[in-house]
Structures are given as C-alpha cells and as structure tokens.
Amino acid sequence: MKMCMSLSFALQWDFGDGTSATNQVTTTHLYSTPGSYQVTFTTRNATLEATASVTVTIEAP
C-alpha cells in the first residue's frame, strides 16, 4: 500500500509598512520612504506556527 501525504501550510510576510505578501517562500519588496521597518515572516499549518522577525533600515539616497 502506498500512502501519499499532502502538506498544507500558509506563508505570510509583513513588511512593516502596511503591505504584505502571502504564500510566497521568497519575495522582494521596495520601500517608498526611508526609515526602520520590522519585517515578519510567519508560517503555519493546522497545528503549528513559527514566526521570525528582523528590523531593516532604509536610508535616503
């Protein structure tokens, strides 16, 4: 008997400036205003959730 398991999980990026992206393992983002932003990545499935955050600083050109 062969069993096939499907993994179901959600991905969420919060860029700290009011924008976000969903269900993308990797992504890019352009900030329109210099400043410090906390970027948060969250993944979750039916039983677990994991979150990682980092502060990025965008300087004026």
PDB file of N, CA and C in Angstrom:
ATOM      1  N   MET A   1       0.840  -1.166   0.000  1.00  0.00           N
ATOM      2  CA  MET A   1       0.000   0.000   0.000  1.00  0.00           C
ATOM      3  C   MET A   1       0.890   1.235   0.000  1.00  0.00           C
ATOM      4  N   LYS A   2       0.636   2.122  -0.898  1.00  0.00           N
ATOM      5  CA  LYS A   2       1.399   3.358  -0.987  1.00  0.00           C
ATOM      6  C   LYS A   2       0.558   4.502  -0.444  1.00  0.00           C
ATOM      7  N   MET A   3       1.127   5.251   0.483  1.00  0.00           N
ATOM      8  CA  MET A   3       0.400   6.380   1.066  1.00  0.00           C
ATOM      9  C   MET A   3       1.009   7.677   0.554  1.00  0.00           C
ATOM     10  N   CYS A   4       0.170   8.603   0.253  1.00  0.00           N
ATOM     11  CA  CYS A   4       0.623   9.907  -0.214  1.00  0.00           C
ATOM     12  C   CYS A   4       0.099  10.959   0.752  1.00  0.00           C
ATOM     13  N   MET A   5       0.991  11.776   1.274  1.00  0.00           N
ATOM     14  CA  MET A   5       0.596  12.810   2.214  1.00  0.00           C
ATOM     15  C   MET A   5       0.724  14.178   1.574  1.00  0.00           C
ATOM     16  N   SER A   6      -0.243  14.986   1.791  1.00  0.00           N
ATOM     17  CA  SER A   6      -0.206  16.357   1.292  1.00  0.00           C
ATOM     18  C   SER A   6       0.094  17.291   2.455  1.00  0.00           C
ATOM     19  N   LEU A   7       1.074  18.147   2.286  1.00  0.00           N
ATOM     20  CA  LEU A   7       1.406  19.124   3.310  1.00  0.00           C
ATOM     21  C   LEU A   7       0.685  20.424   2.997  1.00  0.00           C
ATOM     22  N   SER A   8      -0.040  20.914   3.963  1.00  0.00           N
ATOM     23  CA  SER A   8      -0.770  22.157   3.766  1.00  0.00           C
ATOM     24  C   SER A   8      -0.286  23.166   4.795  1.00  0.00           C
ATOM     25  N   PHE A   9       0.189  24.303   4.315  1.00  0.00           N
ATOM     26  CA  PHE A   9       0.648  25.343   5.217  1.00  0.00           C
ATOM     27  C   PHE A   9       0.453  26.701   4.567  1.00  0.00           C
ATOM     28  N   ALA A  10       0.462  27.736   5.385  1.00  0.00           N
ATOM     29  CA  ALA A  10       0.302  29.110   4.911  1.00  0.00           C
ATOM     30  C   ALA A  10       1.582  29.886   5.208  1.00  0.00           C
ATOM     31  N   LEU A  11       1.901  30.817   4.336  1.00  0.00           N
ATOM     32  CA  LEU A  11       3.069  31.682   4.493  1.00  0.00           C
ATOM     33  C   LEU A  11       2.599  33.129   4.475  1.00  0.00           C
ATOM     34  N   GLN A  12       3.149  33.954   5.369  1.00  0.00           N
ATOM     35  CA  GLN A  12       2.744  35.359   5.431  1.00  0.00           C
ATOM     36  C   GLN A  12       3.960  36.234   5.689  1.00  0.00           C
ATOM     37  N   TRP A  13       4.159  37.226   4.836  1.00  0.00           N
ATOM     38  CA  TRP A  13       5.189  38.249   5.023  1.00  0.00           C
ATOM     39  C   TRP A  13       4.502  39.546   5.422  1.00  0.00           C
ATOM     40  N   ASP A  14       5.000  40.214   6.449  1.00  0.00           N
ATOM     41  CA  ASP A  14       4.542  41.552   6.832  1.00  0.00           C
ATOM     42  C   ASP A  14       5.775  42.445   6.754  1.00  0.00           C
ATOM     43  N   PHE A  15       5.729  43.437   5.875  1.00  0.00           N
ATOM     44  CA  PHE A  15       6.910  44.264   5.628  1.00  0.00           C
ATOM     45  C   PHE A  15       7.039  45.464   6.563  1.00  0.00           C
ATOM     46  N   GLY A  16       6.091  45.654   7.456  1.00  0.00           N
ATOM     47  CA  GLY A  16       6.190  46.709   8.458  1.00  0.00           C
ATOM     48  C   GLY A  16       5.785  48.085   7.980  1.00  0.00           C
ATOM     49  N   ASP A  17       5.355  48.182   6.719  1.00  0.00           N
ATOM     50  CA  ASP A  17       4.922  49.475   6.179  1.00  0.00           C
ATOM     51  C   ASP A  17       3.468  49.434   5.701  1.00  0.00           C
ATOM     52  N   GLY A  18       2.722  48.451   6.196  1.00  0.00           N
ATOM     53  CA  GLY A  18       1.321  48.318   5.810  1.00  0.00           C
ATOM     54  C   GLY A  18       1.084  47.406   4.623  1.00  0.00           C
ATOM     55  N   THR A  19       2.148  46.828   4.082  1.00  0.00           N
ATOM     56  CA  THR A  19       1.988  45.898   2.969  1.00  0.00           C
ATOM     57  C   THR A  19       2.422  44.502   3.387  1.00  0.00           C
ATOM     58  N   SER A  20       1.923  43.508   2.656  1.00  0.00           N
ATOM     59  CA  SER A  20       2.237  42.121   2.979  1.00  0.00           C
ATOM     60  C   SER A  20       2.219  41.285   1.709  1.00  0.00           C
ATOM     61  N   ALA A  21       2.667  40.055   1.828  1.00  0.00           N
ATOM     62  CA  ALA A  21       2.625  39.077   0.745  1.00  0.00           C
ATOM     63  C   ALA A  21       2.242  37.741   1.365  1.00  0.00           C
ATOM     64  N   THR A  22       1.507  36.932   0.620  1.00  0.00           N
ATOM     65  CA  THR A  22       1.082  35.633   1.140  1.00  0.00           C
ATOM     66  C   THR A  22       1.489  34.512   0.200  1.00  0.00           C
ATOM     67  N   ASN A  23       1.752  33.355   0.811  1.00  0.00           N
ATOM     68  CA  ASN A  23       2.048  32.109   0.106  1.00  0.00           C
ATOM     69  C   ASN A  23       3.198  32.221  -0.884  1.00  0.00           C
ATOM     70  N   GLN A  24       4.241  32.969  -0.488  1.00  0.00           N
ATOM     71  CA  GLN A  24       5.480  33.068  -1.259  1.00  0.00           C
ATOM     72  C   GLN A  24       6.642  32.710  -0.349  1.00  0.00           C
ATOM     73  N   VAL A  25       7.405  31.701  -0.734  1.00  0.00           N
ATOM     74  CA  VAL A  25       8.556  31.302   0.083  1.00  0.00           C
ATOM     75  C   VAL A  25       9.601  32.414   0.082  1.00  0.00           C
ATOM     76  N   THR A  26       9.868  32.983  -1.067  1.00  0.00           N
ATOM     77  CA  THR A  26      10.765  34.133  -1.166  1.00  0.00           C
ATOM     78  C   THR A  26      10.007  35.268  -1.841  1.00  0.00           C
ATOM     79  N   THR A  27      10.391  36.478  -1.547  1.00  0.00           N
ATOM     80  CA  THR A  27       9.717  37.634  -2.127  1.00  0.00           C
ATOM     81  C   THR A  27      10.662  38.822  -2.136  1.00  0.00           C
ATOM     82  N   THR A  28      10.310  39.860  -2.837  1.00  0.00           N
ATOM     83  CA  THR A  28      11.049  41.116  -2.806  1.00  0.00           C
ATOM     84  C   THR A  28      10.069  42.227  -2.439  1.00  0.00           C
ATOM     85  N   HIS A  29      10.604  43.320  -1.923  1.00  0.00           N
ATOM     86  CA  HIS A  29       9.757  44.443  -1.529  1.00  0.00           C
ATOM     87  C   HIS A  29      10.555  45.738  -1.659  1.00  0.00           C
ATOM     88  N   LEU A  30       9.929  46.763  -2.188  1.00  0.00           N
ATOM     89  CA  LEU A  30      10.557  48.077  -2.303  1.00  0.00           C
ATOM     90  C   LEU A  30       9.872  49.034  -1.334  1.00  0.00           C
ATOM     91  N   TYR A  31      10.665  49.708  -0.509  1.00  0.00           N
ATOM     92  CA  TYR A  31      10.132  50.698   0.428  1.00  0.00           C
ATOM     93  C   TYR A  31      10.147  52.069  -0.232  1.00  0.00           C
ATOM     94  N   SER A  32       9.062  52.821  -0.054  1.00  0.00           N
ATOM     95  CA  SER A  32       8.967  54.136  -0.687  1.00  0.00           C
ATOM     96  C   SER A  32       9.492  55.263   0.200  1.00  0.00           C
ATOM     97  N   THR A  33       9.684  55.001   1.488  1.00  0.00           N
ATOM     98  CA  THR A  33      10.117  56.024   2.431  1.00  0.00           C
ATOM     99  C   THR A  33      11.258  55.493   3.294  1.00  0.00           C
ATOM    100  N   PRO A  34      12.337  56.265   3.468  1.00  0.00           N
ATOM    101  CA  PRO A  34      13.402  55.834   4.373  1.00  0.00           C
ATOM    102  C   PRO A  34      12.871  55.650   5.794  1.00  0.00           C
ATOM    103  N   GLY A  35      13.515  54.770   6.543  1.00  0.00           N
ATOM    104  CA  GLY A  35      13.136  54.538   7.934  1.00  0.00           C
ATOM    105  C   GLY A  35      13.473  53.122   8.350  1.00  0.00           C
ATOM    106  N   SER A  36      13.082  52.773   9.577  1.00  0.00           N
ATOM    107  CA  SER A  36      13.287  51.421  10.098  1.00  0.00           C
ATOM    108  C   SER A  36      11.955  50.685  10.066  1.00  0.00           C
ATOM    109  N   TYR A  37      12.001  49.446   9.600  1.00  0.00           N
ATOM    110  CA  TYR A  37      10.796  48.632   9.455  1.00  0.00           C
ATOM    111  C   TYR A  37      11.054  47.245  10.032  1.00  0.00           C
ATOM    112  N   GLN A  38      10.071  46.715  10.730  1.00  0.00           N
ATOM    113  CA  GLN A  38      10.179  45.352  11.226  1.00  0.00           C
ATOM    114  C   GLN A  38       9.500  44.426  10.220  1.00  0.00           C
ATOM    115  N   VAL A  39      10.305  43.542   9.617  1.00  0.00           N
ATOM    116  CA  VAL A  39       9.793  42.568   8.660  1.00  0.00           C
ATOM    117  C   VAL A  39       9.551  41.262   9.417  1.00  0.00           C
ATOM    118  N   THR A  40       8.356  40.704   9.253  1.00  0.00           N
ATOM    119  CA  THR A  40       7.990  39.477   9.955  1.00  0.00           C
ATOM    120  C   THR A  40       7.534  38.427   8.950  1.00  0.00           C
ATOM    121  N   PHE A  41       8.072  37.221   9.098  1.00  0.00           N
ATOM    122  CA  PHE A  41       7.674  36.076   8.284  1.00  0.00           C
ATOM    123  C   PHE A  41       7.017  35.058   9.197  1.00  0.00           C
ATOM    124  N   THR A  42       5.829  34.611   8.821  1.00  0.00           N
ATOM    125  CA  THR A  42       5.098  33.618   9.618  1.00  0.00           C
ATOM    126  C   THR A  42       4.679  32.462   8.717  1.00  0.00           C
ATOM    127  N   THR A  43       4.863  31.256   9.217  1.00  0.00           N
ATOM    128  CA  THR A  43       4.345  30.073   8.542  1.00  0.00           C
ATOM    129  C   THR A  43       3.515  29.285   9.548  1.00  0.00           C
ATOM    130  N   ARG A  44       2.432  28.703   9.066  1.00  0.00           N
ATOM    131  CA  ARG A  44       1.573  27.930   9.973  1.00  0.00           C
ATOM    132  C   ARG A  44       0.913  26.801   9.208  1.00  0.00           C
ATOM    133  N   ASN A  45       0.607  25.737   9.958  1.00  0.00           N
ATOM    134  CA  ASN A  45      -0.211  24.659   9.436  1.00  0.00           C
ATOM    135  C   ASN A  45      -1.323  24.414  10.443  1.00  0.00           C
ATOM    136  N   ALA A  46      -1.965  23.280  10.382  1.00  0.00           N
ATOM    137  CA  ALA A  46      -3.112  23.017  11.251  1.00  0.00           C
ATOM    138  C   ALA A  46      -2.744  22.977  12.735  1.00  0.00           C
ATOM    139  N   THR A  47      -1.490  22.672  13.059  1.00  0.00           N
ATOM    140  CA  THR A  47      -1.133  22.506  14.462  1.00  0.00           C
ATOM    141  C   THR A  47       0.000  23.404  14.952  1.00  0.00           C
ATOM    142  N   LEU A  48       0.814  23.940  14.078  1.00  0.00           N
ATOM    143  CA  LEU A  48       1.990  24.706  14.499  1.00  0.00           C
ATOM    144  C   LEU A  48       2.062  26.054  13.805  1.00  0.00           C
ATOM    145  N   GLU A  49       2.758  26.997  14.464  1.00  0.00           N
ATOM    146  CA  GLU A  49       3.029  28.302  13.874  1.00  0.00           C
ATOM    147  C   GLU A  49       4.448  28.710  14.253  1.00  0.00           C
ATOM    148  N   ALA A  50       5.172  29.293  13.304  1.00  0.00           N
ATOM    149  CA  ALA A  50       6.522  29.785  13.568  1.00  0.00           C
ATOM    150  C   ALA A  50       6.655  31.172  12.949  1.00  0.00           C
ATOM    151  N   THR A  51       7.327  32.068  13.689  1.00  0.00           N
ATOM    152  CA  THR A  51       7.487  33.453  13.247  1.00  0.00           C
ATOM    153  C   THR A  51       8.936  33.878  13.433  1.00  0.00           C
ATOM    154  N   ALA A  52       9.449  34.615  12.462  1.00  0.00           N
ATOM    155  CA  ALA A  52      10.782  35.217  12.555  1.00  0.00           C
ATOM    156  C   ALA A  52      10.676  36.672  12.138  1.00  0.00           C
ATOM    157  N   SER A  53      11.380  37.551  12.848  1.00  0.00           N
ATOM    158  CA  SER A  53      11.343  38.982  12.549  1.00  0.00           C
ATOM    159  C   SER A  53      12.743  39.560  12.500  1.00  0.00           C
ATOM    160  N   VAL A  54      12.886  40.613  11.702  1.00  0.00           N
ATOM    161  CA  VAL A  54      14.147  41.335  11.613  1.00  0.00           C
ATOM    162  C   VAL A  54      13.814  42.792  11.326  1.00  0.00           C
ATOM    163  N   THR A  55      14.613  43.698  11.866  1.00  0.00           N
ATOM    164  CA  THR A  55      14.432  45.123  11.580  1.00  0.00           C
ATOM    165  C   THR A  55      15.379  45.512  10.435  1.00  0.00           C
ATOM    166  N   VAL A  56      14.801  46.144   9.410  1.00  0.00           N
ATOM    167  CA  VAL A  56      15.607  46.632   8.289  1.00  0.00           C
ATOM    168  C   VAL A  56      15.574  48.146   8.306  1.00  0.00           C
ATOM    169  N   THR A  57      16.695  48.778   7.952  1.00  0.00           N
ATOM    170  CA  THR A  57      16.772  50.225   7.906  1.00  0.00           C
ATOM    171  C   THR A  57      17.003  50.654   6.457  1.00  0.00           C
ATOM    172  N   ILE A  58      16.108  51.497   5.973  1.00  0.00           N
ATOM    173  CA  ILE A  58      16.189  52.016   4.619  1.00  0.00           C
ATOM    174  C   ILE A  58      16.687  53.457   4.712  1.00  0.00           C
ATOM    175  N   GLU A  59      17.818  53.739   4.073  1.00  0.00           N
ATOM    176  CA  GLU A  59      18.384  55.086   4.114  1.00  0.00           C
ATOM    177  C   GLU A  59      18.009  55.889   2.882  1.00  0.00           C
ATOM    178  N   ALA A  60      17.965  57.171   3.031  1.00  0.00           N
ATOM    179  CA  ALA A  60      17.672  58.065   1.898  1.00  0.00           C
ATOM    180  C   ALA A  60      18.827  58.001   0.904  1.00  0.00           C
ATOM    181  N   PRO A  61      18.516  58.124  -0.380  1.00  0.00           N
ATOM    182  CA  PRO A  61      19.595  58.067  -1.396  1.00  0.00           C
ATOM    183  C   PRO A  61      20.528  59.257  -1.287  1.00  0.00           C
TER     184      PRO A  61
END
